[in-house]
């Protein structure tokens, strides 16, 4: 029994798992699965060409069939960042918004310049929904909440 192949597959598997643990990108875990199968074949002293073939076949099959499932369940979703995260939230008018004059809205502790979506006046202390952001101005409408 040639232990060199056993240690080579085991070493490759450990390295690939280490890379996966460091990056957490679901990139090398599939190759580690292929290394595991090749390692098992090496334990039974099967020919090297079979070990290498099994490594590639198992790795490719795992990438094709299990990666989409893993990506779907492990990458729960992306969270919007910065100002895009404000769209869809609510704020409080701190300075009246009128048809021809921008007002101010407080959102998550920050004061923003705001204009009404429809041009209607919105009085101070009114809760508003943030619909969009244009430049540094919020586009808002009076909240439907009562």
Protein backbone atom coordinates (compact mmCIF):
# COMPACT_ATOMS: atom_id res chain seq x y z
CA UNK A 1 0.00 0.00 0.00
CA UNK A 2 1.48 3.31 -1.10
CA UNK A 3 0.89 5.81 1.71
CA UNK A 4 2.02 8.75 -0.41
CA UNK A 5 -1.30 8.94 -2.25
CA UNK A 6 -3.25 8.63 0.98
CA UNK A 7 -1.36 11.53 2.54
CA UNK A 8 -1.56 13.57 -0.67
CA UNK A 9 -5.37 13.33 -0.84
CA UNK A 10 -5.69 13.90 2.90
CA UNK A 11 -3.40 16.93 2.68
CA UNK A 12 -5.29 18.33 -0.30
CA UNK A 13 -8.59 17.86 1.51
CA UNK A 14 -7.31 19.67 4.64
CA UNK A 15 -5.93 22.55 2.54
CA UNK A 16 -9.19 22.92 0.60
CA UNK A 17 -11.28 22.89 3.78
CA UNK A 18 -8.91 25.45 5.29
CA UNK A 19 -9.33 27.72 2.26
CA UNK A 20 -13.11 27.32 2.46
CA UNK A 21 -13.11 28.14 6.17
CA UNK A 22 -11.02 31.25 5.54
CA UNK A 23 -13.07 32.55 2.61
CA UNK A 24 -16.59 31.18 3.25
CA UNK A 25 -17.42 31.63 -0.44
CA UNK A 26 -18.50 28.08 -1.28
CA UNK A 27 -15.65 27.69 -3.73
CA UNK A 28 -13.39 24.88 -2.59
CA UNK A 29 -15.70 22.73 -0.48
CA UNK A 30 -16.77 20.79 -3.57
CA UNK A 31 -13.17 19.92 -4.38
CA UNK A 32 -12.70 18.83 -0.76
CA UNK A 33 -15.57 16.37 -1.29
CA UNK A 34 -13.80 15.00 -4.34
CA UNK A 35 -10.59 14.72 -2.32
CA UNK A 36 -12.44 12.75 0.34
CA UNK A 37 -13.62 10.18 -2.22
CA UNK A 38 -10.13 9.93 -3.73
CA UNK A 39 -8.69 9.53 -0.22
CA UNK A 40 -11.07 6.63 0.47
CA UNK A 41 -10.08 4.98 -2.83
CA UNK A 42 -6.41 5.42 -1.91
CA UNK A 43 -7.06 3.67 1.41
CA UNK A 44 -8.19 0.63 -0.58
CA UNK A 45 -5.03 0.91 -2.70
CA UNK A 46 -6.95 1.41 -5.95
CA UNK A 47 -5.05 2.72 -9.00
CA UNK A 48 -4.05 6.39 -9.15
CA UNK A 49 -5.92 6.97 -12.43
CA UNK A 50 -9.14 5.86 -10.67
CA UNK A 51 -8.46 8.16 -7.72
CA UNK A 52 -7.89 11.15 -10.00
CA UNK A 53 -10.94 10.34 -12.11
CA UNK A 54 -13.09 9.97 -9.00
CA UNK A 55 -11.76 13.28 -7.67
CA UNK A 56 -12.81 15.15 -10.83
CA UNK A 57 -16.13 13.34 -11.32
CA UNK A 58 -17.26 13.77 -7.71
CA UNK A 59 -16.13 17.42 -7.62
CA UNK A 60 -17.98 18.27 -10.84
CA UNK A 61 -21.12 16.40 -9.82
CA UNK A 62 -21.14 18.16 -6.44
CA UNK A 63 -20.69 21.56 -8.08
CA UNK A 64 -23.49 20.95 -10.57
CA UNK A 65 -26.05 19.39 -8.24
CA UNK A 66 -25.39 20.67 -4.73
CA UNK A 67 -23.93 24.15 -5.17
CA UNK A 68 -27.19 25.81 -6.31
CA UNK A 69 -29.00 24.33 -3.30
CA UNK A 70 -26.27 25.38 -0.88
CA UNK A 71 -26.10 28.90 -2.29
CA UNK A 72 -29.87 29.23 -2.02
CA UNK A 73 -29.98 28.23 1.63
CA UNK A 74 -26.68 29.54 2.98
CA UNK A 75 -26.65 32.96 1.38
CA UNK A 76 -29.87 34.19 2.89
CA UNK A 77 -29.90 37.45 0.99
CA UNK A 78 -28.23 40.74 0.65
CA UNK A 79 -29.00 43.72 2.75
CA UNK A 80 -29.18 47.07 1.09
CA UNK A 81 -26.58 49.47 2.37
CA UNK A 82 -26.20 53.19 2.80
CA UNK A 83 -28.98 55.39 1.46
CA UNK A 84 -30.70 52.61 -0.50
CA UNK A 85 -31.65 51.08 2.85
CA UNK A 86 -33.80 54.15 3.58
CA UNK A 87 -36.22 53.50 0.71
CA UNK A 88 -39.37 51.91 2.10
CA UNK A 89 -38.80 53.12 5.66
CA UNK A 90 -40.65 55.87 7.48
CA UNK A 91 -39.50 59.21 8.79
CA UNK A 92 -40.86 62.18 10.70
CA UNK A 93 -41.26 65.62 9.12
CA UNK A 94 -39.33 68.15 11.22
CA UNK A 95 -39.82 71.15 8.91
CA UNK A 96 -42.96 71.62 6.82
CA UNK A 97 -42.82 70.43 3.22
CA UNK A 98 -44.79 72.64 0.84
CA UNK A 99 -45.55 72.58 -2.86
CA UNK A 100 -42.74 74.96 -3.79
CA UNK A 101 -40.36 74.48 -0.88
CA UNK A 102 -38.44 71.49 0.39
CA UNK A 103 -38.74 70.57 4.04
CA UNK A 104 -36.83 68.31 6.35
CA UNK A 105 -37.42 64.75 7.48
CA UNK A 106 -35.70 62.88 10.30
CA UNK A 107 -34.90 59.28 9.41
CA UNK A 108 -32.90 56.95 11.64
CA UNK A 109 -31.52 59.89 13.58
CA UNK A 110 -30.45 61.89 10.51
CA UNK A 111 -32.04 65.00 9.06
CA UNK A 112 -32.65 64.92 5.29
CA UNK A 113 -34.01 67.46 2.85
CA UNK A 114 -37.30 66.15 1.52
CA UNK A 115 -39.93 66.95 -1.10
CA UNK A 116 -43.42 65.60 -1.51
CA UNK A 117 -43.99 63.08 -4.29
CA UNK A 118 -47.27 64.69 -5.34
CA UNK A 119 -46.39 68.28 -4.47
CA UNK A 120 -48.84 68.32 -1.57
CA UNK A 121 -47.98 70.10 1.66
CA UNK A 122 -46.99 67.94 4.58
CA UNK A 123 -46.90 69.50 8.04
CA UNK A 124 -44.24 69.01 10.72
CA UNK A 125 -44.67 66.00 13.04
CA UNK A 126 -46.30 63.99 10.23
CA UNK A 127 -45.01 60.49 9.60
CA UNK A 128 -43.95 59.95 5.96
CA UNK A 129 -42.97 57.00 3.80
CA UNK A 130 -39.71 57.33 1.87
CA UNK A 131 -40.34 56.40 -1.76
CA UNK A 132 -37.06 57.33 -3.45
CA UNK A 133 -33.88 59.32 -3.19
CA UNK A 134 -32.83 61.82 -5.83
CA UNK A 135 -29.40 63.24 -5.20
CA UNK A 136 -29.53 64.31 -1.56
CA UNK A 137 -33.31 64.75 -1.36
CA UNK A 138 -35.83 62.23 -0.13
CA UNK A 139 -39.02 61.81 -2.12
CA UNK A 140 -41.77 61.21 0.43
CA UNK A 141 -45.52 60.89 0.85
CA UNK A 142 -47.66 61.10 3.95
CA UNK A 143 -47.82 57.72 5.63
CA UNK A 144 -51.05 55.76 5.41
CA UNK A 145 -50.57 54.63 9.02
CA UNK A 146 -52.95 56.10 11.53
